[in-house]
Amino acid sequence: MSLEERMARVEGRLEEISKRIDDLRNDLTHRIDGLTDRIDSLQSEVHSSRNWTIGLLVTMWVTIILAILIKG
């Protein structure tokens, strides 16, 4: 096998590896974007739950304080 043939073969392999790396990069980017969307959704749910919890706690404390004040 001549040097030119070997070089052509090596170049072909390098192109294949480069394409595979690009495919992996695209796949990882797509997965990271999906995970980012899911994390954003979870953060939104946590904030909503926190707001509801605080609202319920404030309502509960106001009710208890009013009950104590009215009864006393």
N, C-alpha and C. Protein backbone atom coordinates (compact mmCIF):
# COMPACT_ATOMS: atom_id res chain seq x y z
N MET A 1 0.86 -1.17 0.00
CA MET A 1 0.00 0.00 0.00
C MET A 1 0.91 1.24 0.00
N SER A 2 0.60 2.17 -0.87
CA SER A 2 1.44 3.36 -1.00
C SER A 2 1.11 4.37 0.10
N LEU A 3 1.98 5.34 0.22
CA LEU A 3 1.80 6.39 1.22
C LEU A 3 0.54 7.20 0.95
N GLU A 4 0.26 7.47 -0.31
CA GLU A 4 -0.94 8.24 -0.68
C GLU A 4 -2.21 7.48 -0.28
N GLU A 5 -2.20 6.19 -0.50
CA GLU A 5 -3.36 5.37 -0.13
C GLU A 5 -3.56 5.38 1.39
N ARG A 6 -2.47 5.26 2.10
CA ARG A 6 -2.54 5.29 3.56
C ARG A 6 -3.06 6.63 4.06
N MET A 7 -2.56 7.71 3.47
CA MET A 7 -3.01 9.04 3.87
C MET A 7 -4.50 9.23 3.58
N ALA A 8 -4.94 8.74 2.42
CA ALA A 8 -6.36 8.85 2.07
C ALA A 8 -7.21 8.05 3.06
N ARG A 9 -6.71 6.90 3.44
CA ARG A 9 -7.43 6.06 4.41
C ARG A 9 -7.51 6.75 5.78
N VAL A 10 -6.40 7.34 6.22
CA VAL A 10 -6.37 8.06 7.50
C VAL A 10 -7.31 9.26 7.45
N GLU A 11 -7.29 9.99 6.34
CA GLU A 11 -8.19 11.14 6.20
C GLU A 11 -9.65 10.70 6.25
N GLY A 12 -9.95 9.59 5.61
CA GLY A 12 -11.32 9.07 5.65
C GLY A 12 -11.75 8.73 7.07
N ARG A 13 -10.86 8.08 7.79
CA ARG A 13 -11.16 7.74 9.19
C ARG A 13 -11.37 9.00 10.03
N LEU A 14 -10.51 9.99 9.82
CA LEU A 14 -10.64 11.24 10.58
C LEU A 14 -11.97 11.93 10.30
N GLU A 15 -12.42 11.88 9.04
CA GLU A 15 -13.72 12.46 8.70
C GLU A 15 -14.84 11.70 9.40
N GLU A 16 -14.74 10.38 9.45
CA GLU A 16 -15.75 9.58 10.16
C GLU A 16 -15.78 9.93 11.64
N ILE A 17 -14.62 10.03 12.24
CA ILE A 17 -14.54 10.37 13.67
C ILE A 17 -15.10 11.76 13.91
N SER A 18 -14.76 12.69 13.04
CA SER A 18 -15.27 14.06 13.17
C SER A 18 -16.79 14.08 13.08
N LYS A 19 -17.35 13.29 12.16
CA LYS A 19 -18.81 13.24 12.02
C LYS A 19 -19.44 12.63 13.27
N ARG A 20 -18.85 11.59 13.79
CA ARG A 20 -19.37 10.97 15.01
C ARG A 20 -19.33 11.93 16.19
N ILE A 21 -18.24 12.67 16.31
CA ILE A 21 -18.13 13.65 17.39
C ILE A 21 -19.20 14.73 17.24
N ASP A 22 -19.42 15.20 16.01
CA ASP A 22 -20.47 16.19 15.77
C ASP A 22 -21.85 15.65 16.13
N ASP A 23 -22.10 14.38 15.76
CA ASP A 23 -23.37 13.75 16.11
C ASP A 23 -23.55 13.66 17.62
N LEU A 24 -22.48 13.27 18.32
CA LEU A 24 -22.54 13.19 19.78
C LEU A 24 -22.79 14.56 20.40
N ARG A 25 -22.11 15.57 19.88
CA ARG A 25 -22.28 16.93 20.38
C ARG A 25 -23.74 17.38 20.19
N ASN A 26 -24.30 17.12 19.01
CA ASN A 26 -25.69 17.50 18.75
C ASN A 26 -26.65 16.75 19.67
N ASP A 27 -26.39 15.46 19.87
CA ASP A 27 -27.24 14.67 20.75
C ASP A 27 -27.18 15.17 22.18
N LEU A 28 -25.98 15.46 22.66
CA LEU A 28 -25.82 15.98 24.02
C LEU A 28 -26.49 17.34 24.18
N THR A 29 -26.34 18.18 23.19
CA THR A 29 -26.98 19.51 23.23
C THR A 29 -28.49 19.36 23.30
N HIS A 30 -29.03 18.45 22.50
CA HIS A 30 -30.49 18.21 22.51
C HIS A 30 -30.94 17.70 23.88
N ARG A 31 -30.19 16.77 24.44
CA ARG A 31 -30.56 16.23 25.76
C ARG A 31 -30.45 17.28 26.85
N ILE A 32 -29.41 18.10 26.78
CA ILE A 32 -29.24 19.16 27.78
C ILE A 32 -30.38 20.16 27.68
N ASP A 33 -30.79 20.49 26.46
CA ASP A 33 -31.91 21.41 26.29
C ASP A 33 -33.19 20.81 26.90
N GLY A 34 -33.39 19.52 26.69
CA GLY A 34 -34.56 18.86 27.27
C GLY A 34 -34.52 18.87 28.79
N LEU A 35 -33.34 18.60 29.34
CA LEU A 35 -33.20 18.63 30.80
C LEU A 35 -33.42 20.04 31.35
N THR A 36 -32.92 21.04 30.64
CA THR A 36 -33.10 22.42 31.06
C THR A 36 -34.59 22.77 31.10
N ASP A 37 -35.33 22.33 30.09
CA ASP A 37 -36.78 22.58 30.07
C ASP A 37 -37.46 21.90 31.25
N ARG A 38 -37.06 20.67 31.55
CA ARG A 38 -37.67 19.95 32.68
C ARG A 38 -37.33 20.62 34.01
N ILE A 39 -36.10 21.09 34.16
CA ILE A 39 -35.70 21.78 35.40
C ILE A 39 -36.48 23.07 35.55
N ASP A 40 -36.65 23.81 34.45
CA ASP A 40 -37.43 25.04 34.52
C ASP A 40 -38.87 24.75 34.94
N SER A 41 -39.43 23.67 34.42
CA SER A 41 -40.79 23.28 34.79
C SER A 41 -40.88 22.93 36.27
N LEU A 42 -39.89 22.18 36.76
CA LEU A 42 -39.88 21.82 38.18
C LEU A 42 -39.71 23.04 39.06
N GLN A 43 -38.88 23.99 38.66
CA GLN A 43 -38.71 25.21 39.43
C GLN A 43 -40.02 25.98 39.51
N SER A 44 -40.74 26.02 38.41
CA SER A 44 -42.02 26.70 38.40
C SER A 44 -43.00 26.03 39.36
N GLU A 45 -43.02 24.70 39.37
CA GLU A 45 -43.90 23.98 40.28
C GLU A 45 -43.51 24.22 41.74
N VAL A 46 -42.22 24.25 42.03
CA VAL A 46 -41.76 24.48 43.39
C VAL A 46 -42.16 25.88 43.85
N HIS A 47 -42.00 26.86 43.00
CA HIS A 47 -42.38 28.23 43.36
C HIS A 47 -43.89 28.33 43.62
N SER A 48 -44.65 27.65 42.77
CA SER A 48 -46.10 27.66 42.96
C SER A 48 -46.49 26.99 44.27
N SER A 49 -45.88 25.85 44.55
CA SER A 49 -46.18 25.13 45.80
C SER A 49 -45.77 25.96 47.01
N ARG A 50 -44.62 26.63 46.91
CA ARG A 50 -44.16 27.47 48.01
C ARG A 50 -45.14 28.61 48.27
N ASN A 51 -45.61 29.22 47.21
CA ASN A 51 -46.57 30.31 47.37
C ASN A 51 -47.86 29.83 48.02
N TRP A 52 -48.35 28.67 47.60
CA TRP A 52 -49.57 28.11 48.20
C TRP A 52 -49.34 27.79 49.68
N THR A 53 -48.20 27.22 49.99
CA THR A 53 -47.89 26.86 51.38
C THR A 53 -47.83 28.11 52.25
N ILE A 54 -47.16 29.14 51.79
CA ILE A 54 -47.08 30.39 52.56
C ILE A 54 -48.46 30.99 52.74
N GLY A 55 -49.26 30.97 51.68
CA GLY A 55 -50.62 31.50 51.77
C GLY A 55 -51.47 30.75 52.80
N LEU A 56 -51.36 29.44 52.79
CA LEU A 56 -52.12 28.63 53.75
C LEU A 56 -51.63 28.87 55.18
N LEU A 57 -50.32 28.98 55.36
CA LEU A 57 -49.78 29.22 56.70
C LEU A 57 -50.24 30.58 57.24
N VAL A 58 -50.18 31.60 56.41
CA VAL A 58 -50.63 32.93 56.84
C VAL A 58 -52.10 32.90 57.20
N THR A 59 -52.89 32.26 56.36
CA THR A 59 -54.33 32.15 56.63
C THR A 59 -54.59 31.41 57.94
N MET A 60 -53.85 30.34 58.17
CA MET A 60 -54.02 29.56 59.39
C MET A 60 -53.67 30.40 60.62
N TRP A 61 -52.55 31.10 60.57
CA TRP A 61 -52.13 31.91 61.72
C TRP A 61 -53.10 33.06 61.99
N VAL A 62 -53.57 33.69 60.92
CA VAL A 62 -54.56 34.77 61.10
C VAL A 62 -55.83 34.22 61.73
N THR A 63 -56.27 33.06 61.29
CA THR A 63 -57.47 32.44 61.85
C THR A 63 -57.28 32.12 63.33
N ILE A 64 -56.13 31.56 63.67
CA ILE A 64 -55.85 31.21 65.07
C ILE A 64 -55.79 32.46 65.93
N ILE A 65 -55.10 33.49 65.45
CA ILE A 65 -54.99 34.73 66.22
C ILE A 65 -56.37 35.37 66.39
N LEU A 66 -57.18 35.40 65.34
CA LEU A 66 -58.53 35.96 65.45
C LEU A 66 -59.39 35.15 66.42
N ALA A 67 -59.26 33.86 66.38
CA ALA A 67 -60.04 33.00 67.31
C ALA A 67 -59.64 33.29 68.75
N ILE A 68 -58.34 33.46 69.00
CA ILE A 68 -57.87 33.76 70.35
C ILE A 68 -58.37 35.12 70.79
N LEU A 69 -58.30 36.12 69.89
CA LEU A 69 -58.72 37.47 70.25
C LEU A 69 -60.23 37.56 70.48
N ILE A 70 -61.01 36.88 69.68
CA ILE A 70 -62.47 36.92 69.82
C ILE A 70 -62.90 36.17 71.08
N LYS A 71 -62.27 35.05 71.37
CA LYS A 71 -62.64 34.24 72.52
C LYS A 71 -62.18 34.92 73.84
N GLY A 72 -61.05 35.62 73.78
CA GLY A 72 -60.49 36.21 74.99
C GLY A 72 -61.12 37.51 75.30
